[in-house]
Amino acid sequence: MNHKDGLDAKELAGIIESTIEPESWSSVGGNGVIRPIPSGLVITQSQKVHRKITALLDQVMKHQQSE
């Protein structure tokens, strides 16, 4: 995504890291990794955290569709 469409991948990665199990990410010593790439995000995390990320992304998509 680019700014005209909403959040870009780097911004979204930052939101995910700061709101979903923040202590679990490699940037603070955890095992989870999130890496922005041109077509989206590559995420290595526990299944539990993946479910939370999916729920967050579903909410973001619904919000963007309502605008």
C-alpha atoms as a PDB file:
ATOM      1  CA  MET A   1       0.000   0.000   0.000  1.00  0.00           C
ATOM      2  CA  ASN A   2       1.127   3.529  -0.497  1.00  0.00           C
ATOM      3  CA  HIS A   3       0.052   6.671   1.317  1.00  0.00           C
ATOM      4  CA  LYS A   4      -2.821   7.450  -1.031  1.00  0.00           C
ATOM      5  CA  ASP A   5      -4.248   4.001  -0.264  1.00  0.00           C
ATOM      6  CA  GLY A   6      -3.544   4.099   3.479  1.00  0.00           C
ATOM      7  CA  LEU A   7      -0.681   2.716   5.518  1.00  0.00           C
ATOM      8  CA  ASP A   8       2.482   1.514   3.867  1.00  0.00           C
ATOM      9  CA  ALA A   9       4.063  -1.796   4.890  1.00  0.00           C
ATOM     10  CA  LYS A  10       6.683  -0.200   7.147  1.00  0.00           C
ATOM     11  CA  GLU A  11       4.053   1.802   9.048  1.00  0.00           C
ATOM     12  CA  LEU A  12       1.852  -1.252   9.392  1.00  0.00           C
ATOM     13  CA  ALA A  13       4.784  -3.308  10.692  1.00  0.00           C
ATOM     14  CA  GLY A  14       5.413  -0.671  13.352  1.00  0.00           C
ATOM     15  CA  ILE A  15       1.776  -0.677  14.420  1.00  0.00           C
ATOM     16  CA  ILE A  16       1.717  -4.462  14.625  1.00  0.00           C
ATOM     17  CA  GLU A  17       4.937  -4.616  16.655  1.00  0.00           C
ATOM     18  CA  SER A  18       3.802  -1.935  19.088  1.00  0.00           C
ATOM     19  CA  THR A  19       0.268  -3.227  19.656  1.00  0.00           C
ATOM     20  CA  ILE A  20       0.327  -7.012  19.347  1.00  0.00           C
ATOM     21  CA  GLU A  21       2.450  -8.814  21.938  1.00  0.00           C
ATOM     22  CA  PRO A  22       5.114  -6.050  21.861  1.00  0.00           C
ATOM     23  CA  GLU A  23       7.544  -8.078  23.980  1.00  0.00           C
ATOM     24  CA  SER A  24       7.526 -10.951  21.484  1.00  0.00           C
ATOM     25  CA  TRP A  25       9.331  -9.182  18.631  1.00  0.00           C
ATOM     26  CA  SER A  26      13.029  -9.512  17.814  1.00  0.00           C
ATOM     27  CA  SER A  27      13.504  -5.739  18.064  1.00  0.00           C
ATOM     28  CA  VAL A  28      13.085  -6.110  21.845  1.00  0.00           C
ATOM     29  CA  GLY A  29      14.647  -9.541  22.299  1.00  0.00           C
ATOM     30  CA  GLY A  30      11.744 -11.794  21.358  1.00  0.00           C
ATOM     31  CA  ASN A  31      11.570 -14.416  18.640  1.00  0.00           C
ATOM     32  CA  GLY A  32       9.051 -12.777  16.306  1.00  0.00           C
ATOM     33  CA  VAL A  33      10.208 -11.092  13.119  1.00  0.00           C
ATOM     34  CA  ILE A  34       8.290  -8.739  10.868  1.00  0.00           C
ATOM     35  CA  ARG A  35       9.829  -7.505   7.646  1.00  0.00           C
ATOM     36  CA  PRO A  36       8.256  -5.118   5.159  1.00  0.00           C
ATOM     37  CA  ILE A  37       8.680  -6.080   1.512  1.00  0.00           C
ATOM     38  CA  PRO A  38       7.364  -4.281  -1.574  1.00  0.00           C
ATOM     39  CA  SER A  39       4.273  -6.479  -1.792  1.00  0.00           C
ATOM     40  CA  GLY A  40       3.443  -6.605   1.932  1.00  0.00           C
ATOM     41  CA  LEU A  41       4.896  -8.096   5.097  1.00  0.00           C
ATOM     42  CA  VAL A  42       6.800 -11.256   5.936  1.00  0.00           C
ATOM     43  CA  ILE A  43       6.004 -12.290   9.504  1.00  0.00           C
ATOM     44  CA  THR A  44       7.558 -15.064  11.561  1.00  0.00           C
ATOM     45  CA  GLN A  45       5.649 -15.417  14.811  1.00  0.00           C
ATOM     46  CA  SER A  46       3.688 -17.819  16.976  1.00  0.00           C
ATOM     47  CA  GLN A  47       0.316 -19.047  15.793  1.00  0.00           C
ATOM     48  CA  LYS A  48      -1.357 -17.088  18.607  1.00  0.00           C
ATOM     49  CA  VAL A  49       0.223 -13.834  17.450  1.00  0.00           C
ATOM     50  CA  HIS A  50      -0.630 -14.581  13.814  1.00  0.00           C
ATOM     51  CA  ARG A  51      -4.294 -14.885  14.826  1.00  0.00           C
ATOM     52  CA  LYS A  52      -4.121 -11.501  16.563  1.00  0.00           C
ATOM     53  CA  ILE A  53      -2.457  -9.946  13.512  1.00  0.00           C
ATOM     54  CA  THR A  54      -5.169 -11.376  11.275  1.00  0.00           C
ATOM     55  CA  ALA A  55      -7.851  -9.856  13.503  1.00  0.00           C
ATOM     56  CA  LEU A  56      -6.110  -6.465  13.427  1.00  0.00           C
ATOM     57  CA  LEU A  57      -5.725  -6.534   9.649  1.00  0.00           C
ATOM     58  CA  ASP A  58      -9.394  -7.474   9.277  1.00  0.00           C
ATOM     59  CA  GLN A  59     -10.303  -4.392  11.339  1.00  0.00           C
ATOM     60  CA  VAL A  60      -8.010  -2.165   9.266  1.00  0.00           C
ATOM     61  CA  MET A  61      -9.550  -3.445   6.033  1.00  0.00           C
ATOM     62  CA  LYS A  62     -13.091  -2.881   7.314  1.00  0.00           C
ATOM     63  CA  HIS A  63     -12.186   0.642   8.391  1.00  0.00           C
ATOM     64  CA  GLN A  64     -10.628   1.458   5.022  1.00  0.00           C
ATOM     65  CA  GLN A  65     -13.639   0.081   3.162  1.00  0.00           C
ATOM     66  CA  SER A  66     -15.991   2.267   5.191  1.00  0.00           C
ATOM     67  CA  GLU A  67     -14.136   5.461   4.271  1.00  0.00           C
END
